[in-house]
Protein backbone atom coordinates (compact mmCIF):
# COMPACT_ATOMS: atom_id res chain seq x y z
CA UNK A 1 0.00 0.00 0.00
CA UNK A 2 1.22 3.48 -0.92
CA UNK A 3 0.00 6.83 0.38
CA UNK A 4 -1.12 9.34 -2.25
CA UNK A 5 -1.93 12.94 -1.39
CA UNK A 6 -4.32 15.07 -3.46
CA UNK A 7 -4.60 18.86 -3.12
CA UNK A 8 -8.40 19.15 -3.25
CA UNK A 9 -8.77 22.77 -2.14
CA UNK A 10 -10.56 23.47 -5.44
CA UNK A 11 -13.08 20.68 -4.78
CA UNK A 12 -16.70 21.41 -5.72
CA UNK A 13 -19.29 20.11 -8.20
CA UNK A 14 -20.80 23.55 -8.75
CA UNK A 15 -17.39 25.15 -9.21
CA UNK A 16 -15.87 25.94 -12.56
CA UNK A 17 -13.48 23.57 -14.31
CA UNK A 18 -10.89 22.98 -11.58
CA UNK A 19 -13.45 22.22 -8.88
CA UNK A 20 -15.38 19.82 -11.05
CA UNK A 21 -12.20 18.10 -12.26
CA UNK A 22 -11.07 17.53 -8.67
CA UNK A 23 -14.51 16.34 -7.53
CA UNK A 24 -15.03 13.89 -10.38
CA UNK A 25 -11.50 12.55 -10.18
CA UNK A 26 -11.93 11.79 -6.47
CA UNK A 27 -15.37 10.26 -6.95
CA UNK A 28 -14.12 7.85 -9.57
CA UNK A 29 -10.79 7.03 -7.91
CA UNK A 30 -12.79 5.93 -4.86
CA UNK A 31 -14.59 3.40 -7.03
CA UNK A 32 -11.52 1.78 -8.55
CA UNK A 33 -8.73 1.95 -5.94
CA UNK A 34 -9.23 -0.03 -2.74
CA UNK A 35 -5.52 -0.70 -2.24
CA UNK A 36 -3.78 2.65 -1.82
CA UNK A 37 -4.35 5.14 0.98
CA UNK A 38 -5.31 8.70 0.03
CA UNK A 39 -4.91 11.91 2.00
CA UNK A 40 -7.34 14.49 0.63
CA UNK A 41 -6.47 18.10 1.52
CA UNK A 42 -9.44 20.49 1.59
CA UNK A 43 -10.02 24.05 2.72
CA UNK A 44 -12.55 25.05 5.37
CA UNK A 45 -15.23 25.95 2.81
CA UNK A 46 -15.36 22.56 1.10
CA UNK A 47 -14.20 20.29 3.94
CA UNK A 48 -17.72 19.13 4.81
CA UNK A 49 -18.85 19.00 1.16
CA UNK A 50 -16.54 16.09 0.43
CA UNK A 51 -17.94 12.88 1.92
CA UNK A 52 -15.81 9.90 0.88
CA UNK A 53 -17.44 6.50 0.47
CA UNK A 54 -14.12 4.66 0.38
CA UNK A 55 -12.50 4.29 3.86
CA UNK A 56 -9.04 4.57 2.27
CA UNK A 57 -9.78 8.22 1.42
CA UNK A 58 -9.01 10.35 4.47
CA UNK A 59 -9.87 14.05 4.73
CA UNK A 60 -7.29 16.58 5.92
CA UNK A 61 -7.76 20.29 6.57
CA UNK A 62 -5.49 22.62 4.59
CA UNK A 63 -7.20 25.99 4.96
CA UNK A 64 -4.80 27.94 2.75
CA UNK A 65 -5.95 30.41 0.03
CA UNK A 66 -5.10 29.61 -3.58
CA UNK A 67 -2.34 31.62 -5.29
CA UNK A 68 -1.25 33.18 -2.01
CA UNK A 69 2.05 33.73 -0.22
CA UNK A 70 0.71 31.48 2.52
CA UNK A 71 0.21 28.74 -0.06
CA UNK A 72 3.88 28.91 -0.97
CA UNK A 73 5.26 29.23 2.56
CA UNK A 74 2.83 27.25 4.74
CA UNK A 75 1.18 24.57 2.60
CA UNK A 76 4.34 22.41 2.30
CA UNK A 77 4.42 22.12 6.10
CA UNK A 78 0.68 21.37 6.36
CA UNK A 79 1.02 18.46 3.95
CA UNK A 80 2.17 15.25 5.63
CA UNK A 81 5.27 15.08 3.49
CA UNK A 82 6.95 12.26 5.42
CA UNK A 83 3.88 10.07 5.05
CA UNK A 84 3.12 10.82 1.38
CA UNK A 85 4.70 8.64 -1.29
CA UNK A 86 3.23 10.68 -4.14
CA UNK A 87 1.37 14.01 -4.21
CA UNK A 88 -1.02 15.10 -6.95
CA UNK A 89 -1.49 18.84 -7.48
CA UNK A 90 -4.46 19.22 -9.89
CA UNK A 91 -3.33 22.73 -10.88
CA UNK A 92 -0.02 24.45 -11.61
CA UNK A 93 0.24 26.14 -8.17
CA UNK A 94 2.71 23.71 -6.62
CA UNK A 95 4.51 25.21 -3.57
CA UNK A 96 8.13 25.96 -4.41
CA UNK A 97 9.19 24.47 -1.08
CA UNK A 98 7.51 21.10 -1.64
CA UNK A 99 10.26 18.47 -1.72
CA UNK A 100 8.53 15.10 -2.15
CA UNK A 101 7.65 13.35 -5.46
CA UNK A 102 4.57 14.78 -7.15
CA UNK A 103 2.41 14.81 -10.27
CA UNK A 104 0.85 18.02 -11.58
CA UNK A 105 -2.11 18.65 -13.89
CA UNK A 106 -1.73 21.58 -16.29
CA UNK A 107 -5.08 22.57 -17.77
CA UNK A 108 -3.86 25.46 -19.91
CA UNK A 109 -1.25 28.19 -20.25
CA UNK A 110 -3.73 31.04 -20.36
CA UNK A 111 -1.45 33.63 -18.73
CA UNK A 112 1.25 32.92 -21.30
CA UNK A 113 -1.17 33.92 -24.06
CA UNK A 114 -3.22 36.67 -22.40
CA UNK A 115 -0.93 38.54 -19.99
CA UNK A 116 -3.11 41.62 -19.65
CA UNK A 117 -4.29 43.80 -16.79
CA UNK A 118 -7.78 43.60 -18.31
CA UNK A 119 -7.98 40.03 -17.02
CA UNK A 120 -7.49 41.02 -13.38
CA UNK A 121 -8.73 43.40 -10.71
CA UNK A 122 -5.19 43.97 -9.41
CA UNK A 123 -3.21 47.14 -9.88
CA UNK A 124 -0.65 47.03 -12.75
CA UNK A 125 2.23 46.69 -10.28
CA UNK A 126 0.61 43.86 -8.32
CA UNK A 127 -0.42 42.17 -11.56
CA UNK A 128 3.18 42.19 -12.81
CA UNK A 129 4.28 40.58 -9.55
CA UNK A 130 1.56 37.97 -10.01
CA UNK A 131 2.68 37.32 -13.59
CA UNK A 132 6.31 36.85 -12.51
CA UNK A 133 5.21 34.55 -9.69
CA UNK A 134 3.00 32.52 -12.02
CA UNK A 135 5.82 31.90 -14.48
CA UNK A 136 8.25 30.98 -11.71
CA UNK A 137 5.85 28.55 -10.02
CA UNK A 138 4.81 27.01 -13.35
CA UNK A 139 8.40 26.55 -14.50
CA UNK A 140 9.42 24.91 -11.22
CA UNK A 141 6.34 22.67 -11.21
CA UNK A 142 7.06 21.41 -14.72
CA UNK A 143 10.74 20.90 -13.93
CA UNK A 144 10.25 19.02 -10.64
CA UNK A 145 7.15 16.99 -11.50
CA UNK A 146 7.66 13.28 -12.08
CA UNK A 147 4.72 13.24 -14.45
CA UNK A 148 2.60 15.98 -16.03
CA UNK A 149 -1.06 15.46 -16.87
CA UNK A 150 -2.53 17.64 -19.60
CA UNK A 151 -6.18 17.68 -20.63
CA UNK A 152 -5.67 17.90 -24.43
CA UNK A 153 -3.05 17.46 -27.14
CA UNK A 154 -3.36 21.20 -27.70
CA UNK A 155 -2.20 21.92 -24.13
CA UNK A 156 0.57 19.36 -24.52
CA UNK A 157 1.89 21.19 -27.59
CA UNK A 158 1.50 24.50 -25.79
CA UNK A 159 3.62 23.29 -22.87
CA UNK A 160 6.33 21.95 -25.15
CA UNK A 161 6.40 25.24 -27.06
CA UNK A 162 7.31 27.17 -23.90
CA UNK A 163 8.96 24.37 -21.88
CA UNK A 164 10.58 21.87 -24.26
CA UNK A 165 12.35 20.11 -21.37
CA UNK A 166 8.99 18.73 -20.27
CA UNK A 167 9.04 16.33 -23.22
CA UNK A 168 8.75 12.73 -22.11
CA UNK A 169 6.90 13.53 -18.88
CA UNK A 170 3.53 14.56 -20.33
CA UNK A 171 0.44 12.34 -20.45
CA UNK A 172 -2.77 13.53 -22.11
CA UNK A 173 -5.80 12.51 -20.05
CA UNK A 174 -9.11 13.96 -21.22
CA UNK A 175 -11.89 15.14 -18.93
CA UNK A 176 -15.61 14.47 -19.44
CA UNK A 177 -18.98 16.17 -19.14
CA UNK A 178 -22.07 15.64 -17.00
CA UNK A 179 -24.42 12.73 -17.52
CA UNK A 180 -27.64 13.35 -19.48
CA UNK A 181 -30.67 14.69 -17.62
CA UNK A 182 -32.21 11.27 -18.10
CA UNK A 183 -31.01 8.36 -20.23
CA UNK A 184 -32.80 8.14 -23.57
CA UNK A 185 -34.50 4.88 -24.47
CA UNK A 186 -33.01 3.24 -27.52
CA UNK A 187 -35.94 3.62 -29.92
CA UNK A 188 -33.82 3.90 -33.03
CA UNK A 189 -35.40 7.30 -33.74
CA UNK A 190 -33.47 10.49 -34.16
CA UNK A 191 -34.21 13.10 -31.49
CA UNK A 192 -36.53 15.90 -32.49
CA UNK A 193 -35.79 19.56 -31.92
CA UNK A 194 -38.34 21.79 -30.21
CA UNK A 195 -36.52 21.11 -26.96
CA UNK A 196 -35.77 17.55 -28.04
CA UNK A 197 -39.31 16.32 -27.52
CA UNK A 198 -38.42 12.65 -27.95
CA UNK A 199 -35.71 12.84 -25.33
CA UNK A 200 -37.13 12.11 -21.87
CA UNK A 201 -39.13 14.63 -19.90
CA UNK A 202 -42.77 15.40 -20.57
CA UNK A 203 -43.55 18.49 -22.63
CA UNK A 204 -45.46 19.86 -19.66
CA UNK A 205 -42.34 19.78 -17.48
CA UNK A 206 -40.30 21.48 -20.20
CA UNK A 207 -42.86 24.20 -20.77
CA UNK A 208 -43.19 24.91 -17.07
CA UNK A 209 -39.44 25.21 -16.63
CA UNK A 210 -39.03 27.53 -19.62
CA UNK A 211 -42.00 29.71 -18.72
CA UNK A 212 -40.92 29.89 -15.07
CA UNK A 213 -37.53 31.23 -16.13
CA UNK A 214 -39.12 33.49 -18.74
CA UNK A 215 -36.47 32.48 -21.22
CA UNK A 216 -38.04 30.43 -23.99
CA UNK A 217 -36.48 30.23 -26.58
CA UNK A 218 -32.87 30.97 -25.67
CA UNK A 219 -29.25 30.68 -26.68
CA UNK A 220 -26.98 29.67 -23.81
CA UNK A 221 -23.44 30.35 -22.65
CA UNK A 222 -22.12 28.88 -19.39
CA UNK A 223 -18.71 29.85 -18.03
CA UNK A 224 -16.56 32.69 -16.79
CA UNK A 225 -16.49 36.20 -18.27
CA UNK A 226 -12.73 36.74 -18.53
CA UNK A 227 -11.62 38.67 -21.65
CA UNK A 228 -10.44 35.54 -23.48
CA UNK A 229 -13.96 34.09 -23.18
CA UNK A 230 -14.93 36.57 -25.91
CA UNK A 231 -18.36 37.49 -24.55
CA UNK A 232 -18.27 40.97 -26.09
CA UNK A 233 -18.22 39.52 -29.61
CA UNK A 234 -20.94 37.05 -28.61
CA UNK A 235 -23.20 39.86 -27.41
CA UNK A 236 -22.59 41.94 -30.55
CA UNK A 237 -23.33 38.88 -32.70
CA UNK A 238 -26.54 38.27 -30.79
CA UNK A 239 -27.56 41.87 -31.48
CA UNK A 240 -27.20 41.16 -35.21
CA UNK A 241 -29.30 38.00 -34.85
CA UNK A 242 -32.03 39.96 -33.07
CA UNK A 243 -32.00 42.62 -35.77
CA UNK A 244 -32.32 39.91 -38.41
CA UNK A 245 -35.24 38.15 -36.71
CA UNK A 246 -37.14 41.02 -35.06
CA UNK A 247 -40.24 40.22 -37.16
CA UNK A 248 -39.83 36.43 -37.35
CA UNK A 249 -42.48 34.81 -35.08
CA UNK A 250 -40.16 31.86 -34.37
CA UNK A 251 -37.22 33.90 -33.06
CA UNK A 252 -38.37 37.44 -32.29
CA UNK A 253 -38.47 36.55 -28.56
CA UNK A 254 -35.11 34.78 -28.67
CA UNK A 255 -32.90 35.49 -25.64
CA UNK A 256 -29.23 35.11 -24.83
CA UNK A 257 -28.62 33.58 -21.40
CA UNK A 258 -25.22 33.98 -19.75
CA UNK A 259 -24.62 31.90 -16.62
CA UNK A 260 -21.49 31.53 -14.54
CA UNK A 261 -20.94 34.37 -12.12
CA UNK A 262 -21.62 37.84 -10.82
CA UNK A 263 -18.03 38.97 -10.36
CA UNK A 264 -16.18 42.02 -11.64
CA UNK A 265 -15.84 40.54 -15.13
CA UNK A 266 -19.54 39.71 -15.42
CA UNK A 267 -20.47 43.17 -14.17
CA UNK A 268 -18.25 44.62 -16.87
CA UNK A 269 -20.00 42.49 -19.52
CA UNK A 270 -23.42 43.62 -18.22
CA UNK A 271 -22.30 47.23 -18.59
CA UNK A 272 -21.07 46.50 -22.13
CA UNK A 273 -24.42 44.93 -23.05
CA UNK A 274 -26.36 47.94 -21.76
CA UNK A 275 -24.00 50.42 -23.44
CA UNK A 276 -24.55 48.71 -26.80
CA UNK A 277 -28.33 48.49 -26.29
CA UNK A 278 -28.49 44.75 -26.86
CA UNK A 279 -31.99 43.47 -26.08
CA UNK A 280 -32.95 40.21 -24.34
CA UNK A 281 -29.60 39.43 -22.74
CA UNK A 282 -30.11 37.77 -19.33
CA UNK A 283 -27.48 37.11 -16.65
CA UNK A 284 -28.26 34.23 -14.29
CA UNK A 285 -25.16 34.25 -12.09
CA UNK A 286 -23.80 30.96 -10.75
CA UNK A 287 -26.14 27.97 -11.01
CA UNK A 288 -25.16 26.00 -7.93
CA UNK A 289 -27.61 23.08 -8.11
CA UNK A 290 -26.51 20.36 -10.49
CA UNK A 291 -30.07 19.51 -11.52
CA UNK A 292 -30.84 23.15 -12.34
CA UNK A 293 -27.71 23.48 -14.45
CA UNK A 294 -28.57 20.32 -16.38
CA UNK A 295 -32.05 21.70 -17.04
CA UNK A 296 -30.58 24.98 -18.22
CA UNK A 297 -28.45 23.09 -20.75
CA UNK A 298 -31.32 20.79 -21.68
CA UNK A 299 -33.86 23.48 -22.52
CA UNK A 300 -31.50 25.70 -24.52
CA UNK A 301 -32.19 26.04 -28.23
CA UNK A 302 -28.45 26.27 -28.96
CA UNK A 303 -25.33 26.37 -26.82
CA UNK A 304 -22.69 28.91 -27.92
CA UNK A 305 -19.05 28.83 -26.86
CA UNK A 306 -17.09 31.79 -28.34
CA UNK A 307 -13.82 31.44 -26.39
CA UNK A 308 -10.46 32.44 -27.89
CA UNK A 309 -8.57 29.98 -25.71
CA UNK A 310 -9.45 26.75 -23.86
CA UNK A 311 -7.25 23.98 -22.54
CA UNK A 312 -10.18 21.57 -22.85
CA UNK A 313 -13.61 23.21 -22.74
CA UNK A 314 -16.14 21.27 -20.66
CA UNK A 315 -19.34 23.33 -21.18
CA UNK A 316 -19.91 22.35 -24.85
CA UNK A 317 -19.64 18.64 -23.93
CA UNK A 318 -22.08 19.18 -21.09
CA UNK A 319 -24.51 20.78 -23.52
CA UNK A 320 -24.13 17.79 -25.86
CA UNK A 321 -24.86 15.47 -22.93
CA UNK A 322 -28.22 17.24 -22.53
CA UNK A 323 -29.07 16.83 -26.24
CA UNK A 324 -28.47 20.47 -27.15
CA UNK A 325 -26.82 21.50 -30.45
CA UNK A 326 -23.49 23.28 -30.06
CA UNK A 327 -21.79 26.02 -32.03
CA UNK A 328 -18.26 26.93 -31.04
CA UNK A 329 -15.23 28.98 -31.89
CA UNK A 330 -12.65 27.24 -34.02
CA UNK A 331 -9.79 27.96 -31.65
CA UNK A 332 -7.29 26.30 -29.31
CA UNK A 333 -8.39 22.82 -28.11
CA UNK A 334 -12.04 23.11 -29.13
CA UNK A 335 -11.85 21.45 -32.58
CA UNK A 336 -9.87 18.59 -30.99
CA UNK A 337 -12.38 18.08 -28.18
CA UNK A 338 -15.65 18.67 -30.05
CA UNK A 339 -14.74 16.97 -33.33
CA UNK A 340 -17.63 16.82 -35.82
CA UNK A 341 -20.24 17.45 -33.14
CA UNK A 342 -20.24 21.26 -33.38
CA UNK A 343 -20.57 23.98 -36.00
CA UNK A 344 -17.50 26.19 -35.80
CA UNK A 345 -17.03 29.91 -36.37
CA UNK A 346 -14.19 32.42 -36.39
CA UNK A 347 -14.27 33.95 -32.87
CA UNK A 348 -12.69 37.17 -34.16
CA UNK A 349 -15.60 37.79 -36.55
CA UNK A 350 -18.88 39.07 -35.11
CA UNK A 351 -20.48 38.48 -38.51
CA UNK A 352 -19.35 34.85 -38.62
CA UNK A 353 -20.68 34.18 -35.12
CA UNK A 354 -24.04 35.70 -36.09
CA UNK A 355 -24.22 33.88 -39.43
CA UNK A 356 -23.35 30.50 -37.91
CA UNK A 357 -26.02 31.02 -35.25
CA UNK A 358 -28.61 31.87 -37.89
CA UNK A 359 -27.60 28.88 -40.03
CA UNK A 360 -28.19 26.41 -37.19
CA UNK A 361 -31.37 28.12 -35.95
CA UNK A 362 -32.87 27.88 -39.45
CA UNK A 363 -32.01 24.23 -40.04
CA UNK A 364 -33.83 21.55 -38.00
CA UNK A 365 -31.91 18.95 -40.01
CA UNK A 366 -28.57 20.44 -38.98
CA UNK A 367 -29.73 20.60 -35.37
CA UNK A 368 -30.64 16.90 -35.45
CA UNK A 369 -27.29 16.08 -36.98
CA UNK A 370 -25.43 18.00 -34.27
CA UNK A 371 -27.48 16.32 -31.53
CA UNK A 372 -26.68 12.87 -32.89
CA UNK A 373 -23.02 13.68 -33.42
CA UNK A 374 -22.93 15.11 -29.90
CA UNK A 375 -24.17 11.87 -28.38
CA UNK A 376 -21.45 9.97 -30.22
CA UNK A 377 -18.82 12.48 -29.15
CA UNK A 378 -19.59 12.45 -25.44
CA UNK A 379 -19.37 8.64 -25.46
CA UNK A 380 -15.66 9.09 -26.24
CA UNK A 381 -15.10 10.79 -22.87
CA UNK A 382 -15.78 9.46 -19.37
CA UNK A 383 -14.68 10.30 -15.85
CA UNK A 384 -14.14 6.58 -15.24
CA UNK A 385 -11.54 6.59 -17.99
CA UNK A 386 -10.01 9.77 -16.57
CA UNK A 387 -9.64 8.13 -13.14
CA UNK A 388 -8.34 4.86 -14.57
CA UNK A 389 -5.61 6.55 -16.61
CA UNK A 390 -4.70 8.83 -13.69
CA UNK A 391 -4.37 5.85 -11.35
CA UNK A 392 -2.16 4.10 -13.89
CA UNK A 393 0.07 7.19 -13.91
CA UNK A 394 0.20 7.18 -10.10
CA UNK A 395 1.29 3.55 -10.17
CA UNK A 396 3.96 4.22 -12.78
CA UNK A 397 5.36 7.11 -10.75
CA UNK A 398 5.31 5.07 -7.52
CA UNK A 399 7.09 2.21 -9.25
CA UNK A 400 9.79 4.60 -10.50
CA UNK A 401 10.17 6.00 -6.98
CA UNK A 402 10.86 2.56 -5.58
CA UNK A 403 13.63 2.06 -8.14
CA UNK A 404 15.43 5.21 -7.06
Foldseek 3Di string as FASTA:
>chain_A
DAEEEEEQQLDACLAPDLNVLSPLLQVLLLVPDLDYAYEYEYEPVCQVVDDRPRPSYHYDYDNDDPLDPCCQVPVLVSDPLVRHQEYEYADLQDHPPNDHAYEYEHAADVCVPDVDCLQDPDDPVVSVVSSVVSVVSNLSSLVRYQAYEYAFVLRVVVCCVVPVVSPPRYDHFHAAEDAALDDQDPPVDQFFAPLRCNGDDHPVVLVVVCVVVVAPAEEEEEEDQGVQQLVLLVLLLQQVLCVVCCPPVRPVRYAYEYEYADDPSVVVVVVSNVVVVRPRYYYDHRDRDPSVVSSVLSRYQEYEGLGQEGSADHPVLSSLSSLHQYEYAPHRCVCVLCPPLYHYFHSVDSNRSNVVVVVVVVDSPVSSVSSVSSVVRSVVHDSSSSNVVVVVVVVVVSVVSVVD
